[in-house]
Amino acid sequence: MKRLNQNHVLLIIGGDFRQLEVIRLLAPKLRKIYLMGFEDASIPLENVVKVNEQTAPLHEVESILLPIPGIQDNGMAESTFSKEKVILTKDIINKTKSNSIIYSGIITPFLKQLAAETNRNLIALFARNDVAILNSIPTAEGALMLAIKHTDITIHNANVLVLGFGRVGKTVARLFSAVGAKVTVLVNKKEDEARVIEMGFLPIFEASLESTISAQHIVINTVPALILTAPLIRKMSSQALIIDLASKPGGTDFTAAKEHNIQTLWALGLPAKVAPRTAGTIIGKTLLELLKSE
């Protein structure tokens, strides 16, 4: 088993409360962690140093951790702990060690281009099945919390439609069923239909959505493509709730939902909001494992 190089230097650029747990886990294992965009965070650890683009000793940096949602098209890194804009530039990357590796939750087009232009290896943490499956747990719990908060019925005996049967969809369907919901799952493969039946849910294919959706009290989307179109939304009950868990651009025609007075929640980044310590631990342990293999 490979051991972690304790002389390793990590730069964390932006992030949210999950990064605090990552820092707590990694600080005892690394020589130095530099933080960019953490001015308002209290982190009393000797080898953790707040920097900016001008003061950061970038030539020491061997790994870079970016916010879980990646980097926006304008280069901005989301940062809960800074009032200033945190911008990732080609210059920052180029000043790090030539073999430095960039880690992000997901890879945005801007980030993909930046990595190519700076000849850096780019790793998407959430492309890993283990990370995505574990992260689906706080996502599902967050969806359940929102469903309880934003409906006037019990989840027990409610009709809940889950769109998508991937890593998040499976966990969401299982959790809502566990509290007594009548769960229907949209699938697109026969093998998924069989698995949904085995798990005790009702499977449907897209052709049946139109005839099924009017009976649903809660619709939870996990697919990052337009699934809930205007014609489908028009068939929904005005008392229904849509919870969209999909990353941008989401899977809901939000304009149509507003026009038809359907309550809609686009719930991005739920793990950071409902269980940042757990979500941060998942990221931190995975990053430690990856750093050992560098």
C-alpha atoms as a PDB file:
ATOM      1  CA  MET A   1       0.000   0.000   0.000  1.00  0.00           C
ATOM      2  CA  LYS A   2       1.362   3.418  -0.976  1.00  0.00           C
ATOM      3  CA  ARG A   3       1.973   5.920   1.794  1.00  0.00           C
ATOM      4  CA  LEU A   4       1.135   9.597   1.583  1.00  0.00           C
ATOM      5  CA  ASN A   5       4.066  11.962   1.070  1.00  0.00           C
ATOM      6  CA  GLN A   6       3.884  14.123   4.193  1.00  0.00           C
ATOM      7  CA  ASN A   7       5.799  16.898   2.415  1.00  0.00           C
ATOM      8  CA  HIS A   8       2.851  17.322   0.070  1.00  0.00           C
ATOM      9  CA  VAL A   9       1.473  20.849  -0.413  1.00  0.00           C
ATOM     10  CA  LEU A  10      -2.207  21.369  -1.237  1.00  0.00           C
ATOM     11  CA  LEU A  11      -3.946  24.543  -2.411  1.00  0.00           C
ATOM     12  CA  ILE A  12      -7.694  24.807  -1.755  1.00  0.00           C
ATOM     13  CA  ILE A  13      -9.434  27.478  -3.816  1.00  0.00           C
ATOM     14  CA  GLY A  14     -12.934  28.422  -2.666  1.00  0.00           C
ATOM     15  CA  GLY A  15     -15.597  26.066  -1.388  1.00  0.00           C
ATOM     16  CA  ASP A  16     -18.133  25.775   1.405  1.00  0.00           C
ATOM     17  CA  PHE A  17     -18.482  24.106   4.802  1.00  0.00           C
ATOM     18  CA  ARG A  18     -17.483  20.752   3.322  1.00  0.00           C
ATOM     19  CA  GLN A  19     -13.993  22.099   2.773  1.00  0.00           C
ATOM     20  CA  LEU A  20     -13.614  22.741   6.513  1.00  0.00           C
ATOM     21  CA  GLU A  21     -13.918  19.017   7.156  1.00  0.00           C
ATOM     22  CA  VAL A  22     -11.514  18.283   4.300  1.00  0.00           C
ATOM     23  CA  ILE A  23      -9.003  20.642   5.921  1.00  0.00           C
ATOM     24  CA  ARG A  24      -9.470  19.015   9.335  1.00  0.00           C
ATOM     25  CA  LEU A  25      -8.801  15.561   7.877  1.00  0.00           C
ATOM     26  CA  LEU A  26      -5.878  16.495   5.643  1.00  0.00           C
ATOM     27  CA  ALA A  27      -3.974  19.037   7.763  1.00  0.00           C
ATOM     28  CA  PRO A  28      -2.304  16.408  10.016  1.00  0.00           C
ATOM     29  CA  LYS A  29      -1.211  14.447   6.936  1.00  0.00           C
ATOM     30  CA  LEU A  30       0.326  17.211   4.791  1.00  0.00           C
ATOM     31  CA  ARG A  31       3.193  19.665   5.161  1.00  0.00           C
ATOM     32  CA  LYS A  32       1.110  22.660   4.180  1.00  0.00           C
ATOM     33  CA  ILE A  33      -2.389  23.597   3.055  1.00  0.00           C
ATOM     34  CA  TYR A  34      -2.837  27.012   1.447  1.00  0.00           C
ATOM     35  CA  LEU A  35      -6.323  28.482   1.360  1.00  0.00           C
ATOM     36  CA  MET A  36      -7.524  30.993  -1.218  1.00  0.00           C
ATOM     37  CA  GLY A  37     -10.961  32.529  -0.588  1.00  0.00           C
ATOM     38  CA  PHE A  38     -11.213  31.693   3.127  1.00  0.00           C
ATOM     39  CA  GLU A  39     -10.795  35.148   4.692  1.00  0.00           C
ATOM     40  CA  ASP A  40     -13.856  34.785   6.921  1.00  0.00           C
ATOM     41  CA  ALA A  41     -13.157  31.208   8.078  1.00  0.00           C
ATOM     42  CA  SER A  42     -11.629  30.489  11.468  1.00  0.00           C
ATOM     43  CA  ILE A  43      -9.068  27.704  11.021  1.00  0.00           C
ATOM     44  CA  PRO A  44      -6.533  27.658  13.888  1.00  0.00           C
ATOM     45  CA  LEU A  45      -4.147  25.092  12.415  1.00  0.00           C
ATOM     46  CA  GLU A  46      -0.435  25.813  12.217  1.00  0.00           C
ATOM     47  CA  ASN A  47       0.190  24.385   8.778  1.00  0.00           C
ATOM     48  CA  VAL A  48      -2.957  25.861   7.212  1.00  0.00           C
ATOM     49  CA  VAL A  49      -2.305  29.308   5.766  1.00  0.00           C
ATOM     50  CA  LYS A  50      -4.688  31.807   4.167  1.00  0.00           C
ATOM     51  CA  VAL A  51      -3.294  33.370   1.012  1.00  0.00           C
ATOM     52  CA  ASN A  52      -4.317  35.315  -2.063  1.00  0.00           C
ATOM     53  CA  GLU A  53      -3.031  35.211  -5.636  1.00  0.00           C
ATOM     54  CA  GLN A  54      -0.236  37.647  -4.785  1.00  0.00           C
ATOM     55  CA  THR A  55       0.963  36.060  -1.530  1.00  0.00           C
ATOM     56  CA  ALA A  56       0.534  32.356  -2.313  1.00  0.00           C
ATOM     57  CA  PRO A  57       3.838  30.466  -2.827  1.00  0.00           C
ATOM     58  CA  LEU A  58       2.326  28.714  -5.815  1.00  0.00           C
ATOM     59  CA  HIS A  59       5.641  27.145  -6.844  1.00  0.00           C
ATOM     60  CA  GLU A  60       5.264  24.779  -3.839  1.00  0.00           C
ATOM     61  CA  VAL A  61       1.785  23.554  -4.775  1.00  0.00           C
ATOM     62  CA  GLU A  62       1.445  19.930  -5.916  1.00  0.00           C
ATOM     63  CA  SER A  63      -2.355  19.527  -5.772  1.00  0.00           C
ATOM     64  CA  ILE A  64      -5.307  21.895  -6.108  1.00  0.00           C
ATOM     65  CA  LEU A  65      -8.781  21.270  -4.709  1.00  0.00           C
ATOM     66  CA  LEU A  66     -11.576  23.338  -6.269  1.00  0.00           C
ATOM     67  CA  PRO A  67     -15.197  23.807  -5.149  1.00  0.00           C
ATOM     68  CA  ILE A  68     -17.400  20.762  -5.631  1.00  0.00           C
ATOM     69  CA  PRO A  69     -19.545  22.454  -8.361  1.00  0.00           C
ATOM     70  CA  GLY A  70     -16.363  23.198 -10.299  1.00  0.00           C
ATOM     71  CA  ILE A  71     -15.545  26.597 -11.782  1.00  0.00           C
ATOM     72  CA  GLN A  72     -18.032  28.888 -13.498  1.00  0.00           C
ATOM     73  CA  ASP A  73     -17.604  30.075 -17.099  1.00  0.00           C
ATOM     74  CA  ASN A  74     -16.161  33.388 -15.904  1.00  0.00           C
ATOM     75  CA  GLY A  75     -13.506  31.583 -13.860  1.00  0.00           C
ATOM     76  CA  MET A  76     -15.207  32.286 -10.545  1.00  0.00           C
ATOM     77  CA  ALA A  77     -14.813  29.802  -7.728  1.00  0.00           C
ATOM     78  CA  GLU A  78     -17.742  29.759  -5.312  1.00  0.00           C
ATOM     79  CA  SER A  79     -16.567  30.640  -1.824  1.00  0.00           C
ATOM     80  CA  THR A  80     -18.753  30.740   1.277  1.00  0.00           C
ATOM     81  CA  PHE A  81     -15.948  32.298   3.319  1.00  0.00           C
ATOM     82  CA  SER A  82     -14.982  35.298   1.194  1.00  0.00           C
ATOM     83  CA  LYS A  83     -16.704  38.561   0.340  1.00  0.00           C
ATOM     84  CA  GLU A  84     -14.274  39.042  -2.525  1.00  0.00           C
ATOM     85  CA  LYS A  85     -14.548  37.324  -5.896  1.00  0.00           C
ATOM     86  CA  VAL A  86     -12.240  34.318  -6.123  1.00  0.00           C
ATOM     87  CA  ILE A  87     -11.120  33.847  -9.712  1.00  0.00           C
ATOM     88  CA  LEU A  88      -9.136  30.884 -11.000  1.00  0.00           C
ATOM     89  CA  THR A  89      -6.772  31.946 -13.776  1.00  0.00           C
ATOM     90  CA  LYS A  90      -4.370  30.244 -16.120  1.00  0.00           C
ATOM     91  CA  ASP A  91      -1.566  32.184 -14.406  1.00  0.00           C
ATOM     92  CA  ILE A  92      -2.366  30.618 -11.017  1.00  0.00           C
ATOM     93  CA  ILE A  93      -2.235  27.099 -12.456  1.00  0.00           C
ATOM     94  CA  ASN A  94       0.932  27.753 -14.441  1.00  0.00           C
ATOM     95  CA  LYS A  95       2.783  28.923 -11.325  1.00  0.00           C
ATOM     96  CA  THR A  96       2.166  25.621  -9.512  1.00  0.00           C
ATOM     97  CA  LYS A  97       4.455  22.624 -10.010  1.00  0.00           C
ATOM     98  CA  SER A  98       4.351  21.373 -13.586  1.00  0.00           C
ATOM     99  CA  ASN A  99       3.037  17.974 -12.471  1.00  0.00           C
ATOM    100  CA  SER A 100       0.377  19.392 -10.144  1.00  0.00           C
ATOM    101  CA  ILE A 101      -3.061  17.769 -10.270  1.00  0.00           C
ATOM    102  CA  ILE A 102      -6.402  19.587 -10.161  1.00  0.00           C
ATOM    103  CA  TYR A 103      -9.273  18.011  -8.217  1.00  0.00           C
ATOM    104  CA  SER A 104     -12.881  19.174  -8.577  1.00  0.00           C
ATOM    105  CA  GLY A 105     -16.274  17.735  -7.754  1.00  0.00           C
ATOM    106  CA  ILE A 106     -17.409  18.014 -11.348  1.00  0.00           C
ATOM    107  CA  ILE A 107     -15.673  19.240 -14.494  1.00  0.00           C
ATOM    108  CA  THR A 108     -17.163  22.336 -16.104  1.00  0.00           C
ATOM    109  CA  PRO A 109     -16.320  23.342 -19.713  1.00  0.00           C
ATOM    110  CA  PHE A 110     -14.197  26.256 -18.425  1.00  0.00           C
ATOM    111  CA  LEU A 111     -12.234  23.958 -16.160  1.00  0.00           C
ATOM    112  CA  LYS A 112     -11.697  21.373 -18.890  1.00  0.00           C
ATOM    113  CA  GLN A 113     -10.301  24.036 -21.204  1.00  0.00           C
ATOM    114  CA  LEU A 114      -8.107  25.516 -18.448  1.00  0.00           C
ATOM    115  CA  ALA A 115      -6.592  22.121 -17.647  1.00  0.00           C
ATOM    116  CA  ALA A 116      -5.865  21.512 -21.323  1.00  0.00           C
ATOM    117  CA  GLU A 117      -4.247  24.932 -21.770  1.00  0.00           C
ATOM    118  CA  THR A 118      -2.029  24.470 -18.703  1.00  0.00           C
ATOM    119  CA  ASN A 119      -1.284  20.800 -19.413  1.00  0.00           C
ATOM    120  CA  ARG A 120      -2.543  19.679 -16.000  1.00  0.00           C
ATOM    121  CA  ASN A 121      -4.242  16.439 -15.047  1.00  0.00           C
ATOM    122  CA  LEU A 122      -7.856  17.054 -13.990  1.00  0.00           C
ATOM    123  CA  ILE A 123      -9.774  14.613 -11.782  1.00  0.00           C
ATOM    124  CA  ALA A 124     -13.533  14.742 -11.127  1.00  0.00           C
ATOM    125  CA  LEU A 125     -14.167  13.353  -7.651  1.00  0.00           C
ATOM    126  CA  PHE A 126     -17.871  12.827  -8.295  1.00  0.00           C
ATOM    127  CA  ALA A 127     -17.187  10.753 -11.394  1.00  0.00           C
ATOM    128  CA  ARG A 128     -16.176   8.006  -8.968  1.00  0.00           C
ATOM    129  CA  ASN A 129     -18.985   5.607  -8.099  1.00  0.00           C
ATOM    130  CA  ASP A 130     -17.981   5.338  -4.447  1.00  0.00           C
ATOM    131  CA  VAL A 131     -18.048   9.121  -3.937  1.00  0.00           C
ATOM    132  CA  ALA A 132     -21.296   9.630  -5.852  1.00  0.00           C
ATOM    133  CA  ILE A 133     -23.099   6.797  -4.055  1.00  0.00           C
ATOM    134  CA  LEU A 134     -22.029   7.945  -0.590  1.00  0.00           C
ATOM    135  CA  ASN A 135     -22.867  11.538  -1.484  1.00  0.00           C
ATOM    136  CA  SER A 136     -26.337  10.449  -2.592  1.00  0.00           C
ATOM    137  CA  ILE A 137     -27.216   9.736   1.055  1.00  0.00           C
ATOM    138  CA  PRO A 138     -27.159  13.362   2.296  1.00  0.00           C
ATOM    139  CA  THR A 139     -28.739  14.372  -1.031  1.00  0.00           C
ATOM    140  CA  ALA A 140     -31.672  12.026  -0.446  1.00  0.00           C
ATOM    141  CA  GLU A 141     -32.019  13.071   3.198  1.00  0.00           C
ATOM    142  CA  GLY A 142     -32.045  16.697   2.091  1.00  0.00           C
ATOM    143  CA  ALA A 143     -34.764  15.943  -0.455  1.00  0.00           C
ATOM    144  CA  LEU A 144     -36.833  14.258   2.253  1.00  0.00           C
ATOM    145  CA  MET A 145     -36.358  17.271   4.535  1.00  0.00           C
ATOM    146  CA  LEU A 146     -37.559  19.605   1.758  1.00  0.00           C
ATOM    147  CA  ALA A 147     -40.540  17.371   0.982  1.00  0.00           C
ATOM    148  CA  ILE A 148     -41.630  17.418   4.620  1.00  0.00           C
ATOM    149  CA  LYS A 149     -41.123  21.172   4.912  1.00  0.00           C
ATOM    150  CA  HIS A 150     -42.855  22.192   1.691  1.00  0.00           C
ATOM    151  CA  THR A 151     -45.915  19.939   1.669  1.00  0.00           C
ATOM    152  CA  ASP A 152     -49.002  19.831   3.880  1.00  0.00           C
ATOM    153  CA  ILE A 153     -49.349  16.053   3.722  1.00  0.00           C
ATOM    154  CA  THR A 154     -47.413  13.198   5.257  1.00  0.00           C
ATOM    155  CA  ILE A 155     -44.771  11.535   3.136  1.00  0.00           C
ATOM    156  CA  HIS A 156     -46.299   8.271   4.342  1.00  0.00           C
ATOM    157  CA  ASN A 157     -48.860   7.238   1.721  1.00  0.00           C
ATOM    158  CA  ALA A 158     -47.886  10.099  -0.625  1.00  0.00           C
ATOM    159  CA  ASN A 159     -47.434   9.374  -4.309  1.00  0.00           C
ATOM    160  CA  VAL A 160     -43.780  10.114  -5.102  1.00  0.00           C
ATOM    161  CA  LEU A 161     -42.360   9.967  -8.610  1.00  0.00           C
ATOM    162  CA  VAL A 162     -38.565   9.692  -8.922  1.00  0.00           C
ATOM    163  CA  LEU A 163     -37.216  10.611 -12.348  1.00  0.00           C
ATOM    164  CA  GLY A 164     -34.054   8.634 -13.015  1.00  0.00           C
ATOM    165  CA  PHE A 165     -32.641   5.466 -11.493  1.00  0.00           C
ATOM    166  CA  GLY A 166     -28.966   6.319 -11.260  1.00  0.00           C
ATOM    167  CA  ARG A 167     -26.870   6.621  -8.130  1.00  0.00           C
ATOM    168  CA  VAL A 168     -29.000   9.404  -6.643  1.00  0.00           C
ATOM    169  CA  GLY A 169     -32.335   8.105  -7.920  1.00  0.00           C
ATOM    170  CA  LYS A 170     -31.850   4.705  -6.268  1.00  0.00           C
ATOM    171  CA  THR A 171     -31.082   6.222  -2.865  1.00  0.00           C
ATOM    172  CA  VAL A 172     -33.942   8.725  -3.093  1.00  0.00           C
ATOM    173  CA  ALA A 173     -36.450   6.029  -4.050  1.00  0.00           C
ATOM    174  CA  ARG A 174     -35.300   3.746  -1.234  1.00  0.00           C
ATOM    175  CA  LEU A 175     -35.439   6.495   1.415  1.00  0.00           C
ATOM    176  CA  PHE A 176     -38.888   7.789   0.476  1.00  0.00           C
ATOM    177  CA  SER A 177     -40.223   4.236   0.344  1.00  0.00           C
ATOM    178  CA  ALA A 178     -38.759   3.569   3.796  1.00  0.00           C
ATOM    179  CA  VAL A 179     -40.936   6.307   5.302  1.00  0.00           C
ATOM    180  CA  GLY A 180     -44.055   4.926   3.642  1.00  0.00           C
ATOM    181  CA  ALA A 181     -44.314   6.748   0.311  1.00  0.00           C
ATOM    182  CA  LYS A 182     -45.785   5.022  -2.734  1.00  0.00           C
ATOM    183  CA  VAL A 183     -42.795   5.326  -5.042  1.00  0.00           C
ATOM    184  CA  THR A 184     -42.869   5.254  -8.827  1.00  0.00           C
ATOM    185  CA  VAL A 185     -39.560   5.375 -10.708  1.00  0.00           C
ATOM    186  CA  LEU A 186     -38.933   6.495 -14.275  1.00  0.00           C
ATOM    187  CA  VAL A 187     -36.529   4.062 -15.982  1.00  0.00           C
ATOM    188  CA  ASN A 188     -35.173   3.748 -19.515  1.00  0.00           C
ATOM    189  CA  LYS A 189     -33.796   0.195 -19.478  1.00  0.00           C
ATOM    190  CA  LYS A 190     -35.442  -3.181 -18.996  1.00  0.00           C
ATOM    191  CA  GLU A 191     -32.819  -4.204 -16.432  1.00  0.00           C
ATOM    192  CA  ASP A 192     -33.650  -1.109 -14.365  1.00  0.00           C
ATOM    193  CA  GLU A 193     -37.344  -1.976 -14.641  1.00  0.00           C
ATOM    194  CA  ALA A 194     -36.559  -5.378 -13.141  1.00  0.00           C
ATOM    195  CA  ARG A 195     -34.484  -3.873 -10.334  1.00  0.00           C
ATOM    196  CA  VAL A 196     -37.214  -1.347  -9.480  1.00  0.00           C
ATOM    197  CA  ILE A 197     -39.750  -4.166  -9.239  1.00  0.00           C
ATOM    198  CA  GLU A 198     -37.353  -6.184  -7.066  1.00  0.00           C
ATOM    199  CA  MET A 199     -37.006  -3.190  -4.712  1.00  0.00           C
ATOM    200  CA  GLY A 200     -40.776  -2.919  -4.361  1.00  0.00           C
ATOM    201  CA  PHE A 201     -41.377   0.222  -6.414  1.00  0.00           C
ATOM    202  CA  LEU A 202     -43.485   0.805  -9.519  1.00  0.00           C
ATOM    203  CA  PRO A 203     -41.416   1.256 -12.710  1.00  0.00           C
ATOM    204  CA  ILE A 204     -42.583   3.345 -15.664  1.00  0.00           C
ATOM    205  CA  PHE A 205     -41.059   4.308 -18.990  1.00  0.00           C
ATOM    206  CA  GLU A 206     -41.172   7.801 -20.482  1.00  0.00           C
ATOM    207  CA  ALA A 207     -44.157   6.956 -22.679  1.00  0.00           C
ATOM    208  CA  SER A 208     -46.252   6.488 -19.505  1.00  0.00           C
ATOM    209  CA  LEU A 209     -45.244   9.740 -17.812  1.00  0.00           C
ATOM    210  CA  GLU A 210     -48.143  11.739 -19.227  1.00  0.00           C
ATOM    211  CA  SER A 211     -50.767   9.348 -17.854  1.00  0.00           C
ATOM    212  CA  THR A 212     -49.027   8.958 -14.480  1.00  0.00           C
ATOM    213  CA  ILE A 213     -47.929  12.409 -13.473  1.00  0.00           C
ATOM    214  CA  SER A 214     -51.325  13.877 -12.559  1.00  0.00           C
ATOM    215  CA  ALA A 215     -51.595  11.508  -9.559  1.00  0.00           C
ATOM    216  CA  GLN A 216     -48.203  12.449  -8.079  1.00  0.00           C
ATOM    217  CA  HIS A 217     -47.944  14.545  -4.928  1.00  0.00           C
ATOM    218  CA  ILE A 218     -44.151  14.920  -5.160  1.00  0.00           C
ATOM    219  CA  VAL A 219     -41.930  14.653  -8.234  1.00  0.00           C
ATOM    220  CA  ILE A 220     -38.174  14.364  -7.663  1.00  0.00           C
ATOM    221  CA  ASN A 221     -35.908  14.778 -10.674  1.00  0.00           C
ATOM    222  CA  THR A 222     -32.347  13.429 -10.731  1.00  0.00           C
ATOM    223  CA  VAL A 223     -31.701  13.679 -14.494  1.00  0.00           C
ATOM    224  CA  PRO A 224     -29.652  16.677 -15.794  1.00  0.00           C
ATOM    225  CA  ALA A 225     -31.718  16.933 -18.990  1.00  0.00           C
ATOM    226  CA  LEU A 226     -35.160  18.384 -19.675  1.00  0.00           C
ATOM    227  CA  ILE A 227     -37.612  15.741 -18.463  1.00  0.00           C
ATOM    228  CA  LEU A 228     -40.369  17.819 -16.890  1.00  0.00           C
ATOM    229  CA  THR A 229     -41.538  19.671 -19.988  1.00  0.00           C
ATOM    230  CA  ALA A 230     -44.353  22.215 -20.144  1.00  0.00           C
ATOM    231  CA  PRO A 231     -46.934  19.663 -21.427  1.00  0.00           C
ATOM    232  CA  LEU A 232     -46.142  17.339 -18.510  1.00  0.00           C
ATOM    233  CA  ILE A 233     -46.231  20.164 -15.975  1.00  0.00           C
ATOM    234  CA  ARG A 234     -49.659  21.248 -17.248  1.00  0.00           C
ATOM    235  CA  LYS A 235     -50.980  17.802 -16.289  1.00  0.00           C
ATOM    236  CA  MET A 236     -49.691  18.027 -12.708  1.00  0.00           C
ATOM    237  CA  SER A 237     -51.852  18.889  -9.721  1.00  0.00           C
ATOM    238  CA  SER A 238     -51.510  22.517  -8.624  1.00  0.00           C
ATOM    239  CA  GLN A 239     -50.753  21.184  -5.132  1.00  0.00           C
ATOM    240  CA  ALA A 240     -47.847  19.039  -6.300  1.00  0.00           C
ATOM    241  CA  LEU A 241     -44.231  19.727  -5.399  1.00  0.00           C
ATOM    242  CA  ILE A 242     -41.255  19.403  -7.751  1.00  0.00           C
ATOM    243  CA  ILE A 243     -37.814  18.883  -6.222  1.00  0.00           C
ATOM    244  CA  ASP A 244     -35.092  19.045  -8.869  1.00  0.00           C
ATOM    245  CA  LEU A 245     -31.794  17.555  -7.677  1.00  0.00           C
ATOM    246  CA  ALA A 246     -30.077  17.617 -11.071  1.00  0.00           C
ATOM    247  CA  SER A 247     -27.037  19.769 -11.725  1.00  0.00           C
ATOM    248  CA  LYS A 248     -27.286  22.611 -14.236  1.00  0.00           C
ATOM    249  CA  PRO A 249     -29.285  22.993 -16.399  1.00  0.00           C
ATOM    250  CA  GLY A 250     -31.623  20.828 -14.300  1.00  0.00           C
ATOM    251  CA  GLY A 251     -34.453  18.759 -15.715  1.00  0.00           C
ATOM    252  CA  THR A 252     -37.459  21.043 -15.213  1.00  0.00           C
ATOM    253  CA  ASP A 253     -39.108  23.732 -17.318  1.00  0.00           C
ATOM    254  CA  PHE A 254     -39.078  26.177 -14.413  1.00  0.00           C
ATOM    255  CA  THR A 255     -40.892  28.884 -16.405  1.00  0.00           C
ATOM    256  CA  ALA A 256     -43.798  26.534 -17.144  1.00  0.00           C
ATOM    257  CA  ALA A 257     -43.912  25.446 -13.501  1.00  0.00           C
ATOM    258  CA  LYS A 258     -44.165  29.073 -12.381  1.00  0.00           C
ATOM    259  CA  GLU A 259     -46.884  29.816 -14.932  1.00  0.00           C
ATOM    260  CA  HIS A 260     -48.949  26.902 -13.616  1.00  0.00           C
ATOM    261  CA  ASN A 261     -48.298  27.712  -9.946  1.00  0.00           C
ATOM    262  CA  ILE A 262     -46.445  24.452  -9.304  1.00  0.00           C
ATOM    263  CA  GLN A 263     -44.132  24.776  -6.315  1.00  0.00           C
ATOM    264  CA  THR A 264     -40.611  24.006  -7.520  1.00  0.00           C
ATOM    265  CA  LEU A 265     -37.357  23.677  -5.592  1.00  0.00           C
ATOM    266  CA  TRP A 266     -34.087  23.455  -7.502  1.00  0.00           C
ATOM    267  CA  ALA A 267     -32.079  21.912  -4.681  1.00  0.00           C
ATOM    268  CA  LEU A 268     -28.435  22.142  -5.724  1.00  0.00           C
ATOM    269  CA  GLY A 269     -25.645  21.292  -3.283  1.00  0.00           C
ATOM    270  CA  LEU A 270     -27.880  19.656  -0.685  1.00  0.00           C
ATOM    271  CA  PRO A 271     -25.055  17.720   1.037  1.00  0.00           C
ATOM    272  CA  ALA A 272     -23.310  21.008   1.868  1.00  0.00           C
ATOM    273  CA  LYS A 273     -26.525  22.362   3.391  1.00  0.00           C
ATOM    274  CA  VAL A 274     -27.846  19.384   5.327  1.00  0.00           C
ATOM    275  CA  ALA A 275     -24.743  17.362   6.237  1.00  0.00           C
ATOM    276  CA  PRO A 276     -21.528  19.281   5.455  1.00  0.00           C
ATOM    277  CA  ARG A 277     -19.444  17.294   7.941  1.00  0.00           C
ATOM    278  CA  THR A 278     -20.451  13.946   6.436  1.00  0.00           C
ATOM    279  CA  ALA A 279     -20.119  15.259   2.885  1.00  0.00           C
ATOM    280  CA  GLY A 280     -16.732  16.778   3.682  1.00  0.00           C
ATOM    281  CA  THR A 281     -15.527  13.513   5.201  1.00  0.00           C
ATOM    282  CA  ILE A 282     -16.426  11.665   1.988  1.00  0.00           C
ATOM    283  CA  ILE A 283     -14.406  14.163  -0.064  1.00  0.00           C
ATOM    284  CA  GLY A 284     -11.510  14.284   2.389  1.00  0.00           C
ATOM    285  CA  LYS A 285     -11.069  10.508   2.606  1.00  0.00           C
ATOM    286  CA  THR A 286     -11.227  10.169  -1.167  1.00  0.00           C
ATOM    287  CA  LEU A 287      -8.694  12.950  -1.671  1.00  0.00           C
ATOM    288  CA  LEU A 288      -6.333  11.327   0.825  1.00  0.00           C
ATOM    289  CA  GLU A 289      -6.562   8.084  -1.122  1.00  0.00           C
ATOM    290  CA  LEU A 290      -5.859   9.883  -4.406  1.00  0.00           C
ATOM    291  CA  LEU A 291      -2.922  11.826  -2.968  1.00  0.00           C
ATOM    292  CA  LYS A 292      -1.320   8.539  -1.937  1.00  0.00           C
ATOM    293  CA  SER A 293      -1.352   7.432  -5.550  1.00  0.00           C
ATOM    294  CA  GLU A 294       0.272  10.607  -6.919  1.00  0.00           C
END
